[in-house]
Amino acid sequence: ALFKHTAPEMVDLDINKLILQVCTLMAD
């Protein structure tokens, strides 16, 4: 969608929570 120039799907985002999710995702 980014390369088709579609607008991002904007939501209210807790960046700290997202960072912790990425840490869990990358834990292995």
mmCIF file of all heavy atoms, coordinates in Angstrom:
data_MODEL
# 
_entry.id   MODEL 
# 
loop_
_atom_site.group_PDB 
_atom_site.id 
_atom_site.type_symbol 
_atom_site.label_atom_id 
_atom_site.label_alt_id 
_atom_site.label_comp_id 
_atom_site.label_asym_id 
_atom_site.label_entity_id 
_atom_site.label_seq_id 
_atom_site.pdbx_PDB_ins_code 
_atom_site.Cartn_x 
_atom_site.Cartn_y 
_atom_site.Cartn_z 
_atom_site.occupancy 
_atom_site.B_iso_or_equiv 
_atom_site.pdbx_formal_charge 
_atom_site.auth_seq_id 
_atom_site.auth_comp_id 
_atom_site.auth_asym_id 
_atom_site.auth_atom_id 
_atom_site.pdbx_PDB_model_num 
ATOM 1   N N   . ALA A 1 1  ? 0.838  -1.205  0.000  1.00 0.00 ? 1  ALA A N   1 
ATOM 2   C CA  . ALA A 1 1  ? 0.000  0.000   0.000  1.00 0.00 ? 1  ALA A CA  1 
ATOM 3   C C   . ALA A 1 1  ? 0.874  1.257   0.000  1.00 0.00 ? 1  ALA A C   1 
ATOM 4   O O   . ALA A 1 1  ? 0.551  2.244   -0.658 1.00 0.00 ? 1  ALA A O   1 
ATOM 5   C CB  . ALA A 1 1  ? -0.932 0.004   1.206  1.00 0.00 ? 1  ALA A CB  1 
ATOM 6   N N   . LEU A 1 2  ? 1.981  1.201   0.712  1.00 0.00 ? 2  LEU A N   1 
ATOM 7   C CA  . LEU A 1 2  ? 2.905  2.338   0.766  1.00 0.00 ? 2  LEU A CA  1 
ATOM 8   C C   . LEU A 1 2  ? 3.399  2.689   -0.634 1.00 0.00 ? 2  LEU A C   1 
ATOM 9   O O   . LEU A 1 2  ? 3.423  3.855   -1.023 1.00 0.00 ? 2  LEU A O   1 
ATOM 10  C CB  . LEU A 1 2  ? 4.085  1.987   1.686  1.00 0.00 ? 2  LEU A CB  1 
ATOM 11  C CG  . LEU A 1 2  ? 5.154  3.037   1.871  1.00 0.00 ? 2  LEU A CG  1 
ATOM 12  C CD1 . LEU A 1 2  ? 4.606  4.205   2.680  1.00 0.00 ? 2  LEU A CD1 1 
ATOM 13  C CD2 . LEU A 1 2  ? 6.355  2.429   2.582  1.00 0.00 ? 2  LEU A CD2 1 
ATOM 14  N N   . PHE A 1 3  ? 3.777  1.674   -1.401 1.00 0.00 ? 3  PHE A N   1 
ATOM 15  C CA  . PHE A 1 3  ? 4.308  1.930   -2.732 1.00 0.00 ? 3  PHE A CA  1 
ATOM 16  C C   . PHE A 1 3  ? 3.229  2.188   -3.771 1.00 0.00 ? 3  PHE A C   1 
ATOM 17  O O   . PHE A 1 3  ? 3.514  2.677   -4.850 1.00 0.00 ? 3  PHE A O   1 
ATOM 18  C CB  . PHE A 1 3  ? 5.252  0.807   -3.159 1.00 0.00 ? 3  PHE A CB  1 
ATOM 19  C CG  . PHE A 1 3  ? 6.531  0.850   -2.388 1.00 0.00 ? 3  PHE A CG  1 
ATOM 20  C CD1 . PHE A 1 3  ? 6.793  -0.078  -1.406 1.00 0.00 ? 3  PHE A CD1 1 
ATOM 21  C CD2 . PHE A 1 3  ? 7.450  1.856   -2.601 1.00 0.00 ? 3  PHE A CD2 1 
ATOM 22  C CE1 . PHE A 1 3  ? 7.960  -0.012  -0.667 1.00 0.00 ? 3  PHE A CE1 1 
ATOM 23  C CE2 . PHE A 1 3  ? 8.612  1.939   -1.876 1.00 0.00 ? 3  PHE A CE2 1 
ATOM 24  C CZ  . PHE A 1 3  ? 8.874  0.995   -0.901 1.00 0.00 ? 3  PHE A CZ  1 
ATOM 25  N N   . LYS A 1 4  ? 1.984  1.893   -3.446 1.00 0.00 ? 4  LYS A N   1 
ATOM 26  C CA  . LYS A 1 4  ? 0.871  2.258   -4.319 1.00 0.00 ? 4  LYS A CA  1 
ATOM 27  C C   . LYS A 1 4  ? 0.352  3.641   -3.960 1.00 0.00 ? 4  LYS A C   1 
ATOM 28  O O   . LYS A 1 4  ? -0.649 4.085   -4.474 1.00 0.00 ? 4  LYS A O   1 
ATOM 29  C CB  . LYS A 1 4  ? -0.268 1.235   -4.187 1.00 0.00 ? 4  LYS A CB  1 
ATOM 30  C CG  . LYS A 1 4  ? 0.025  -0.089  -4.817 1.00 0.00 ? 4  LYS A CG  1 
ATOM 31  C CD  . LYS A 1 4  ? -1.180 -1.000  -4.683 1.00 0.00 ? 4  LYS A CD  1 
ATOM 32  C CE  . LYS A 1 4  ? -0.926 -2.338  -5.320 1.00 0.00 ? 4  LYS A CE  1 
ATOM 33  N NZ  . LYS A 1 4  ? -2.077 -3.235  -5.172 1.00 0.00 ? 4  LYS A NZ  1 
ATOM 34  N N   . HIS A 1 5  ? 1.065  4.296   -3.011 1.00 0.00 ? 5  HIS A N   1 
ATOM 35  C CA  . HIS A 1 5  ? 0.713  5.643   -2.556 1.00 0.00 ? 5  HIS A CA  1 
ATOM 36  C C   . HIS A 1 5  ? -0.659 5.692   -1.893 1.00 0.00 ? 5  HIS A C   1 
ATOM 37  O O   . HIS A 1 5  ? -1.383 6.662   -2.016 1.00 0.00 ? 5  HIS A O   1 
ATOM 38  C CB  . HIS A 1 5  ? 0.805  6.654   -3.701 1.00 0.00 ? 5  HIS A CB  1 
ATOM 39  C CG  . HIS A 1 5  ? 2.127  6.618   -4.386 1.00 0.00 ? 5  HIS A CG  1 
ATOM 40  N ND1 . HIS A 1 5  ? 3.304  6.890   -3.730 1.00 0.00 ? 5  HIS A ND1 1 
ATOM 41  C CD2 . HIS A 1 5  ? 2.477  6.332   -5.664 1.00 0.00 ? 5  HIS A CD2 1 
ATOM 42  C CE1 . HIS A 1 5  ? 4.314  6.774   -4.574 1.00 0.00 ? 5  HIS A CE1 1 
ATOM 43  N NE2 . HIS A 1 5  ? 3.844  6.432   -5.746 1.00 0.00 ? 5  HIS A NE2 1 
ATOM 44  N N   . THR A 1 6  ? -1.000 4.608   -1.206 1.00 0.00 ? 6  THR A N   1 
ATOM 45  C CA  . THR A 1 6  ? -2.227 4.565   -0.423 1.00 0.00 ? 6  THR A CA  1 
ATOM 46  C C   . THR A 1 6  ? -1.948 5.201   0.930  1.00 0.00 ? 6  THR A C   1 
ATOM 47  O O   . THR A 1 6  ? -0.884 4.996   1.503  1.00 0.00 ? 6  THR A O   1 
ATOM 48  C CB  . THR A 1 6  ? -2.681 3.100   -0.244 1.00 0.00 ? 6  THR A CB  1 
ATOM 49  O OG1 . THR A 1 6  ? -2.812 2.507   -1.531 1.00 0.00 ? 6  THR A OG1 1 
ATOM 50  C CG2 . THR A 1 6  ? -3.998 3.017   0.487  1.00 0.00 ? 6  THR A CG2 1 
ATOM 51  N N   . ALA A 1 7  ? -2.901 5.937   1.429  1.00 0.00 ? 7  ALA A N   1 
ATOM 52  C CA  . ALA A 1 7  ? -2.717 6.589   2.728  1.00 0.00 ? 7  ALA A CA  1 
ATOM 53  C C   . ALA A 1 7  ? -2.512 5.539   3.818  1.00 0.00 ? 7  ALA A C   1 
ATOM 54  O O   . ALA A 1 7  ? -3.138 4.484   3.799  1.00 0.00 ? 7  ALA A O   1 
ATOM 55  C CB  . ALA A 1 7  ? -3.929 7.447   3.062  1.00 0.00 ? 7  ALA A CB  1 
ATOM 56  N N   . PRO A 1 8  ? -1.609 5.814   4.776  1.00 0.00 ? 8  PRO A N   1 
ATOM 57  C CA  . PRO A 1 8  ? -1.414 4.885   5.889  1.00 0.00 ? 8  PRO A CA  1 
ATOM 58  C C   . PRO A 1 8  ? -2.717 4.719   6.691  1.00 0.00 ? 8  PRO A C   1 
ATOM 59  O O   . PRO A 1 8  ? -3.546 5.619   6.722  1.00 0.00 ? 8  PRO A O   1 
ATOM 60  C CB  . PRO A 1 8  ? -0.354 5.576   6.760  1.00 0.00 ? 8  PRO A CB  1 
ATOM 61  C CG  . PRO A 1 8  ? 0.302  6.589   5.873  1.00 0.00 ? 8  PRO A CG  1 
ATOM 62  C CD  . PRO A 1 8  ? -0.733 6.981   4.856  1.00 0.00 ? 8  PRO A CD  1 
ATOM 63  N N   . GLU A 1 9  ? -2.884 3.557   7.327  1.00 0.00 ? 9  GLU A N   1 
ATOM 64  C CA  . GLU A 1 9  ? -4.043 3.303   8.186  1.00 0.00 ? 9  GLU A CA  1 
ATOM 65  C C   . GLU A 1 9  ? -3.747 3.866   9.565  1.00 0.00 ? 9  GLU A C   1 
ATOM 66  O O   . GLU A 1 9  ? -3.187 3.188   10.427 1.00 0.00 ? 9  GLU A O   1 
ATOM 67  C CB  . GLU A 1 9  ? -4.328 1.803   8.259  1.00 0.00 ? 9  GLU A CB  1 
ATOM 68  C CG  . GLU A 1 9  ? -4.818 1.216   6.962  1.00 0.00 ? 9  GLU A CG  1 
ATOM 69  C CD  . GLU A 1 9  ? -5.112 -0.273  7.082  1.00 0.00 ? 9  GLU A CD  1 
ATOM 70  O OE1 . GLU A 1 9  ? -5.463 -0.745  8.188  1.00 0.00 ? 9  GLU A OE1 1 
ATOM 71  O OE2 . GLU A 1 9  ? -4.986 -0.956  6.063  1.00 0.00 ? 9  GLU A OE2 1 
ATOM 72  N N   . MET A 1 10 ? -4.098 5.123   9.758  1.00 0.00 ? 10 MET A N   1 
ATOM 73  C CA  . MET A 1 10 ? -3.758 5.830   10.984 1.00 0.00 ? 10 MET A CA  1 
ATOM 74  C C   . MET A 1 10 ? -4.638 5.402   12.146 1.00 0.00 ? 10 MET A C   1 
ATOM 75  O O   . MET A 1 10 ? -5.857 5.339   12.023 1.00 0.00 ? 10 MET A O   1 
ATOM 76  C CB  . MET A 1 10 ? -3.874 7.335   10.776 1.00 0.00 ? 10 MET A CB  1 
ATOM 77  C CG  . MET A 1 10 ? -3.039 7.856   9.604  1.00 0.00 ? 10 MET A CG  1 
ATOM 78  S SD  . MET A 1 10 ? -1.301 7.563   9.838  1.00 0.00 ? 10 MET A SD  1 
ATOM 79  C CE  . MET A 1 10 ? -0.777 9.221   10.169 1.00 0.00 ? 10 MET A CE  1 
ATOM 80  N N   . VAL A 1 11 ? -3.978 5.096   13.276 1.00 0.00 ? 11 VAL A N   1 
ATOM 81  C CA  . VAL A 1 11 ? -4.658 4.750   14.520 1.00 0.00 ? 11 VAL A CA  1 
ATOM 82  C C   . VAL A 1 11 ? -3.948 5.479   15.655 1.00 0.00 ? 11 VAL A C   1 
ATOM 83  O O   . VAL A 1 11 ? -2.823 5.949   15.499 1.00 0.00 ? 11 VAL A O   1 
ATOM 84  C CB  . VAL A 1 11 ? -4.631 3.221   14.778 1.00 0.00 ? 11 VAL A CB  1 
ATOM 85  C CG1 . VAL A 1 11 ? -5.371 2.466   13.684 1.00 0.00 ? 11 VAL A CG1 1 
ATOM 86  C CG2 . VAL A 1 11 ? -3.214 2.707   14.925 1.00 0.00 ? 11 VAL A CG2 1 
ATOM 87  N N   . ASP A 1 12 ? -4.617 5.565   16.799 1.00 0.00 ? 12 ASP A N   1 
ATOM 88  C CA  . ASP A 1 12 ? -3.942 6.075   17.991 1.00 0.00 ? 12 ASP A CA  1 
ATOM 89  C C   . ASP A 1 12 ? -2.968 5.002   18.447 1.00 0.00 ? 12 ASP A C   1 
ATOM 90  O O   . ASP A 1 12 ? -3.373 3.874   18.722 1.00 0.00 ? 12 ASP A O   1 
ATOM 91  C CB  . ASP A 1 12 ? -4.953 6.395   19.097 1.00 0.00 ? 12 ASP A CB  1 
ATOM 92  C CG  . ASP A 1 12 ? -5.775 7.626   18.774 1.00 0.00 ? 12 ASP A CG  1 
ATOM 93  O OD1 . ASP A 1 12 ? -5.260 8.523   18.073 1.00 0.00 ? 12 ASP A OD1 1 
ATOM 94  O OD2 . ASP A 1 12 ? -6.934 7.699   19.214 1.00 0.00 ? 12 ASP A OD2 1 
ATOM 95  N N   . LEU A 1 13 ? -1.698 5.352   18.525 1.00 0.00 ? 13 LEU A N   1 
ATOM 96  C CA  . LEU A 1 13 ? -0.653 4.363   18.755 1.00 0.00 ? 13 LEU A CA  1 
ATOM 97  C C   . LEU A 1 13 ? 0.169  4.704   19.985 1.00 0.00 ? 13 LEU A C   1 
ATOM 98  O O   . LEU A 1 13 ? 0.692  5.814   20.107 1.00 0.00 ? 13 LEU A O   1 
ATOM 99  C CB  . LEU A 1 13 ? 0.255  4.309   17.513 1.00 0.00 ? 13 LEU A CB  1 
ATOM 100 C CG  . LEU A 1 13 ? 1.429  3.351   17.538 1.00 0.00 ? 13 LEU A CG  1 
ATOM 101 C CD1 . LEU A 1 13 ? 0.950  1.908   17.632 1.00 0.00 ? 13 LEU A CD1 1 
ATOM 102 C CD2 . LEU A 1 13 ? 2.275  3.537   16.275 1.00 0.00 ? 13 LEU A CD2 1 
ATOM 103 N N   . ASP A 1 14 ? 0.278  3.731   20.890 1.00 0.00 ? 14 ASP A N   1 
ATOM 104 C CA  . ASP A 1 14 ? 1.158  3.834   22.045 1.00 0.00 ? 14 ASP A CA  1 
ATOM 105 C C   . ASP A 1 14 ? 2.519  3.303   21.602 1.00 0.00 ? 14 ASP A C   1 
ATOM 106 O O   . ASP A 1 14 ? 2.711  2.083   21.487 1.00 0.00 ? 14 ASP A O   1 
ATOM 107 C CB  . ASP A 1 14 ? 0.591  3.007   23.202 1.00 0.00 ? 14 ASP A CB  1 
ATOM 108 C CG  . ASP A 1 14 ? 1.446  3.065   24.455 1.00 0.00 ? 14 ASP A CG  1 
ATOM 109 O OD1 . ASP A 1 14 ? 2.661  3.357   24.376 1.00 0.00 ? 14 ASP A OD1 1 
ATOM 110 O OD2 . ASP A 1 14 ? 0.896  2.793   25.536 1.00 0.00 ? 14 ASP A OD2 1 
ATOM 111 N N   . ILE A 1 15 ? 3.465  4.205   21.330 1.00 0.00 ? 15 ILE A N   1 
ATOM 112 C CA  . ILE A 1 15 ? 4.756  3.820   20.770 1.00 0.00 ? 15 ILE A CA  1 
ATOM 113 C C   . ILE A 1 15 ? 5.542  2.944   21.735 1.00 0.00 ? 15 ILE A C   1 
ATOM 114 O O   . ILE A 1 15 ? 6.246  2.028   21.315 1.00 0.00 ? 15 ILE A O   1 
ATOM 115 C CB  . ILE A 1 15 ? 5.571  5.057   20.305 1.00 0.00 ? 15 ILE A CB  1 
ATOM 116 C CG1 . ILE A 1 15 ? 6.729  4.645   19.391 1.00 0.00 ? 15 ILE A CG1 1 
ATOM 117 C CG2 . ILE A 1 15 ? 6.075  5.861   21.478 1.00 0.00 ? 15 ILE A CG2 1 
ATOM 118 C CD1 . ILE A 1 15 ? 6.319  4.207   18.016 1.00 0.00 ? 15 ILE A CD1 1 
ATOM 119 N N   . ASN A 1 16 ? 5.411  3.182   23.046 1.00 0.00 ? 16 ASN A N   1 
ATOM 120 C CA  . ASN A 1 16 ? 6.122  2.346   24.019 1.00 0.00 ? 16 ASN A CA  1 
ATOM 121 C C   . ASN A 1 16 ? 5.621  0.904   23.971 1.00 0.00 ? 16 ASN A C   1 
ATOM 122 O O   . ASN A 1 16 ? 6.412  -0.042  24.022 1.00 0.00 ? 16 ASN A O   1 
ATOM 123 C CB  . ASN A 1 16 ? 5.985  2.910   25.432 1.00 0.00 ? 16 ASN A CB  1 
ATOM 124 C CG  . ASN A 1 16 ? 6.827  4.158   25.631 1.00 0.00 ? 16 ASN A CG  1 
ATOM 125 O OD1 . ASN A 1 16 ? 7.758  4.438   24.887 1.00 0.00 ? 16 ASN A OD1 1 
ATOM 126 N ND2 . ASN A 1 16 ? 6.485  4.923   26.654 1.00 0.00 ? 16 ASN A ND2 1 
ATOM 127 N N   . LYS A 1 17 ? 4.320  0.741   23.855 1.00 0.00 ? 17 LYS A N   1 
ATOM 128 C CA  . LYS A 1 17 ? 3.733  -0.603  23.750 1.00 0.00 ? 17 LYS A CA  1 
ATOM 129 C C   . LYS A 1 17 ? 4.215  -1.284  22.468 1.00 0.00 ? 17 LYS A C   1 
ATOM 130 O O   . LYS A 1 17 ? 4.549  -2.476  22.473 1.00 0.00 ? 17 LYS A O   1 
ATOM 131 C CB  . LYS A 1 17 ? 2.207  -0.501  23.770 1.00 0.00 ? 17 LYS A CB  1 
ATOM 132 C CG  . LYS A 1 17 ? 1.501  -1.818  23.849 1.00 0.00 ? 17 LYS A CG  1 
ATOM 133 C CD  . LYS A 1 17 ? 0.000  -1.605  23.986 1.00 0.00 ? 17 LYS A CD  1 
ATOM 134 C CE  . LYS A 1 17 ? -0.742 -2.920  24.020 1.00 0.00 ? 17 LYS A CE  1 
ATOM 135 N NZ  . LYS A 1 17 ? -2.193 -2.738  24.120 1.00 0.00 ? 17 LYS A NZ  1 
ATOM 136 N N   . LEU A 1 18 ? 4.296  -0.523  21.379 1.00 0.00 ? 18 LEU A N   1 
ATOM 137 C CA  . LEU A 1 18 ? 4.770  -1.078  20.108 1.00 0.00 ? 18 LEU A CA  1 
ATOM 138 C C   . LEU A 1 18 ? 6.234  -1.504  20.219 1.00 0.00 ? 18 LEU A C   1 
ATOM 139 O O   . LEU A 1 18 ? 6.612  -2.563  19.706 1.00 0.00 ? 18 LEU A O   1 
ATOM 140 C CB  . LEU A 1 18 ? 4.583  -0.060  18.978 1.00 0.00 ? 18 LEU A CB  1 
ATOM 141 C CG  . LEU A 1 18 ? 4.899  -0.586  17.578 1.00 0.00 ? 18 LEU A CG  1 
ATOM 142 C CD1 . LEU A 1 18 ? 3.867  -1.629  17.155 1.00 0.00 ? 18 LEU A CD1 1 
ATOM 143 C CD2 . LEU A 1 18 ? 4.928  0.550   16.583 1.00 0.00 ? 18 LEU A CD2 1 
ATOM 144 N N   . ILE A 1 19 ? 7.053  -0.708  20.894 1.00 0.00 ? 19 ILE A N   1 
ATOM 145 C CA  . ILE A 1 19 ? 8.463  -1.072  21.090 1.00 0.00 ? 19 ILE A CA  1 
ATOM 146 C C   . ILE A 1 19 ? 8.561  -2.397  21.843 1.00 0.00 ? 19 ILE A C   1 
ATOM 147 O O   . ILE A 1 19 ? 9.334  -3.281  21.462 1.00 0.00 ? 19 ILE A O   1 
ATOM 148 C CB  . ILE A 1 19 ? 9.219  0.049   21.827 1.00 0.00 ? 19 ILE A CB  1 
ATOM 149 C CG1 . ILE A 1 19 ? 9.378  1.272   20.915 1.00 0.00 ? 19 ILE A CG1 1 
ATOM 150 C CG2 . ILE A 1 19 ? 10.588 -0.448  22.325 1.00 0.00 ? 19 ILE A CG2 1 
ATOM 151 C CD1 . ILE A 1 19 ? 9.861  2.522   21.637 1.00 0.00 ? 19 ILE A CD1 1 
ATOM 152 N N   . LEU A 1 20 ? 7.781  -2.546  22.899 1.00 0.00 ? 20 LEU A N   1 
ATOM 153 C CA  . LEU A 1 20 ? 7.806  -3.789  23.672 1.00 0.00 ? 20 LEU A CA  1 
ATOM 154 C C   . LEU A 1 20 ? 7.336  -4.979  22.833 1.00 0.00 ? 20 LEU A C   1 
ATOM 155 O O   . LEU A 1 20 ? 7.871  -6.085  22.955 1.00 0.00 ? 20 LEU A O   1 
ATOM 156 C CB  . LEU A 1 20 ? 6.971  -3.642  24.940 1.00 0.00 ? 20 LEU A CB  1 
ATOM 157 C CG  . LEU A 1 20 ? 7.533  -2.634  25.959 1.00 0.00 ? 20 LEU A CG  1 
ATOM 158 C CD1 . LEU A 1 20 ? 6.560  -2.454  27.122 1.00 0.00 ? 20 LEU A CD1 1 
ATOM 159 C CD2 . LEU A 1 20 ? 8.918  -3.046  26.450 1.00 0.00 ? 20 LEU A CD2 1 
ATOM 160 N N   . GLN A 1 21 ? 6.349  -4.758  21.951 1.00 0.00 ? 21 GLN A N   1 
ATOM 161 C CA  . GLN A 1 21 ? 5.898  -5.827  21.055 1.00 0.00 ? 21 GLN A CA  1 
ATOM 162 C C   . GLN A 1 21 ? 7.011  -6.241  20.096 1.00 0.00 ? 21 GLN A C   1 
ATOM 163 O O   . GLN A 1 21 ? 7.208  -7.431  19.836 1.00 0.00 ? 21 GLN A O   1 
ATOM 164 C CB  . GLN A 1 21 ? 4.664  -5.382  20.273 1.00 0.00 ? 21 GLN A CB  1 
ATOM 165 C CG  . GLN A 1 21 ? 3.412  -5.271  21.099 1.00 0.00 ? 21 GLN A CG  1 
ATOM 166 C CD  . GLN A 1 21 ? 2.253  -4.630  20.332 1.00 0.00 ? 21 GLN A CD  1 
ATOM 167 O OE1 . GLN A 1 21 ? 2.421  -4.102  19.236 1.00 0.00 ? 21 GLN A OE1 1 
ATOM 168 N NE2 . GLN A 1 21 ? 1.075  -4.670  20.942 1.00 0.00 ? 21 GLN A NE2 1 
ATOM 169 N N   . VAL A 1 22 ? 7.747  -5.262  19.585 1.00 0.00 ? 22 VAL A N   1 
ATOM 170 C CA  . VAL A 1 22 ? 8.863  -5.561  18.676 1.00 0.00 ? 22 VAL A CA  1 
ATOM 171 C C   . VAL A 1 22 ? 9.951  -6.328  19.428 1.00 0.00 ? 22 VAL A C   1 
ATOM 172 O O   . VAL A 1 22 ? 10.531 -7.279  18.887 1.00 0.00 ? 22 VAL A O   1 
ATOM 173 C CB  . VAL A 1 22 ? 9.414  -4.271  18.024 1.00 0.00 ? 22 VAL A CB  1 
ATOM 174 C CG1 . VAL A 1 22 ? 10.746 -4.528  17.320 1.00 0.00 ? 22 VAL A CG1 1 
ATOM 175 C CG2 . VAL A 1 22 ? 8.397  -3.713  17.042 1.00 0.00 ? 22 VAL A CG2 1 
ATOM 176 N N   . CYS A 1 23 ? 10.219 -5.953  20.673 1.00 0.00 ? 23 CYS A N   1 
ATOM 177 C CA  . CYS A 1 23 ? 11.216 -6.671  21.472 1.00 0.00 ? 23 CYS A CA  1 
ATOM 178 C C   . CYS A 1 23 ? 10.803 -8.129  21.651 1.00 0.00 ? 23 CYS A C   1 
ATOM 179 O O   . CYS A 1 23 ? 11.643 -9.038  21.551 1.00 0.00 ? 23 CYS A O   1 
ATOM 180 C CB  . CYS A 1 23 ? 11.405 -5.995  22.829 1.00 0.00 ? 23 CYS A CB  1 
ATOM 181 S SG  . CYS A 1 23 ? 12.207 -4.375  22.719 1.00 0.00 ? 23 CYS A SG  1 
ATOM 182 N N   . THR A 1 24 ? 9.523  -8.370  21.882 1.00 0.00 ? 24 THR A N   1 
ATOM 183 C CA  . THR A 1 24 ? 9.015  -9.736  22.013 1.00 0.00 ? 24 THR A CA  1 
ATOM 184 C C   . THR A 1 24 ? 9.137  -10.474 20.682 1.00 0.00 ? 24 THR A C   1 
ATOM 185 O O   . THR A 1 24 ? 9.578  -11.628 20.635 1.00 0.00 ? 24 THR A O   1 
ATOM 186 C CB  . THR A 1 24 ? 7.545  -9.725  22.489 1.00 0.00 ? 24 THR A CB  1 
ATOM 187 O OG1 . THR A 1 24 ? 7.484  -9.068  23.755 1.00 0.00 ? 24 THR A OG1 1 
ATOM 188 C CG2 . THR A 1 24 ? 6.981  -11.130 22.602 1.00 0.00 ? 24 THR A CG2 1 
ATOM 189 N N   . LEU A 1 25 ? 8.768  -9.801  19.604 1.00 0.00 ? 25 LEU A N   1 
ATOM 190 C CA  . LEU A 1 25 ? 8.839  -10.390 18.260 1.00 0.00 ? 25 LEU A CA  1 
ATOM 191 C C   . LEU A 1 25 ? 10.270 -10.770 17.888 1.00 0.00 ? 25 LEU A C   1 
ATOM 192 O O   . LEU A 1 25 ? 10.505 -11.800 17.264 1.00 0.00 ? 25 LEU A O   1 
ATOM 193 C CB  . LEU A 1 25 ? 8.276  -9.388  17.244 1.00 0.00 ? 25 LEU A CB  1 
ATOM 194 C CG  . LEU A 1 25 ? 8.181  -9.804  15.796 1.00 0.00 ? 25 LEU A CG  1 
ATOM 195 C CD1 . LEU A 1 25 ? 7.134  -10.899 15.627 1.00 0.00 ? 25 LEU A CD1 1 
ATOM 196 C CD2 . LEU A 1 25 ? 7.812  -8.604  14.937 1.00 0.00 ? 25 LEU A CD2 1 
ATOM 197 N N   . MET A 1 26 ? 11.239 -9.960  18.315 1.00 0.00 ? 26 MET A N   1 
ATOM 198 C CA  . MET A 1 26 ? 12.640 -10.176 17.951 1.00 0.00 ? 26 MET A CA  1 
ATOM 199 C C   . MET A 1 26 ? 13.414 -10.957 19.013 1.00 0.00 ? 26 MET A C   1 
ATOM 200 O O   . MET A 1 26 ? 14.624 -11.144 18.885 1.00 0.00 ? 26 MET A O   1 
ATOM 201 C CB  . MET A 1 26 ? 13.318 -8.823  17.718 1.00 0.00 ? 26 MET A CB  1 
ATOM 202 C CG  . MET A 1 26 ? 12.695 -7.977  16.621 1.00 0.00 ? 26 MET A CG  1 
ATOM 203 S SD  . MET A 1 26 ? 12.780 -8.764  14.997 1.00 0.00 ? 26 MET A SD  1 
ATOM 204 C CE  . MET A 1 26 ? 14.535 -8.752  14.716 1.00 0.00 ? 26 MET A CE  1 
ATOM 205 N N   . ALA A 1 27 ? 12.732 -11.433 20.065 1.00 0.00 ? 27 ALA A N   1 
ATOM 206 C CA  . ALA A 1 27 ? 13.403 -12.081 21.201 1.00 0.00 ? 27 ALA A CA  1 
ATOM 207 C C   . ALA A 1 27 ? 14.277 -13.267 20.789 1.00 0.00 ? 27 ALA A C   1 
ATOM 208 O O   . ALA A 1 27 ? 15.385 -13.432 21.310 1.00 0.00 ? 27 ALA A O   1 
ATOM 209 C CB  . ALA A 1 27 ? 12.369 -12.517 22.241 1.00 0.00 ? 27 ALA A CB  1 
ATOM 210 N N   . ASP A 1 28 ? 13.804 -14.089 19.865 1.00 0.00 ? 28 ASP A N   1 
ATOM 211 C CA  . ASP A 1 28 ? 14.601 -15.244 19.438 1.00 0.00 ? 28 ASP A CA  1 
ATOM 212 C C   . ASP A 1 28 ? 15.904 -14.809 18.777 1.00 0.00 ? 28 ASP A C   1 
ATOM 213 O O   . ASP A 1 28 ? 16.968 -15.369 19.063 1.00 0.00 ? 28 ASP A O   1 
ATOM 214 C CB  . ASP A 1 28 ? 13.801 -16.139 18.486 1.00 0.00 ? 28 ASP A CB  1 
ATOM 215 C CG  . ASP A 1 28 ? 12.697 -16.914 19.198 1.00 0.00 ? 28 ASP A CG  1 
ATOM 216 O OD1 . ASP A 1 28 ? 12.730 -16.999 20.444 1.00 0.00 ? 28 ASP A OD1 1 
ATOM 217 O OD2 . ASP A 1 28 ? 11.795 -17.423 18.495 1.00 0.00 ? 28 ASP A OD2 1 
# 
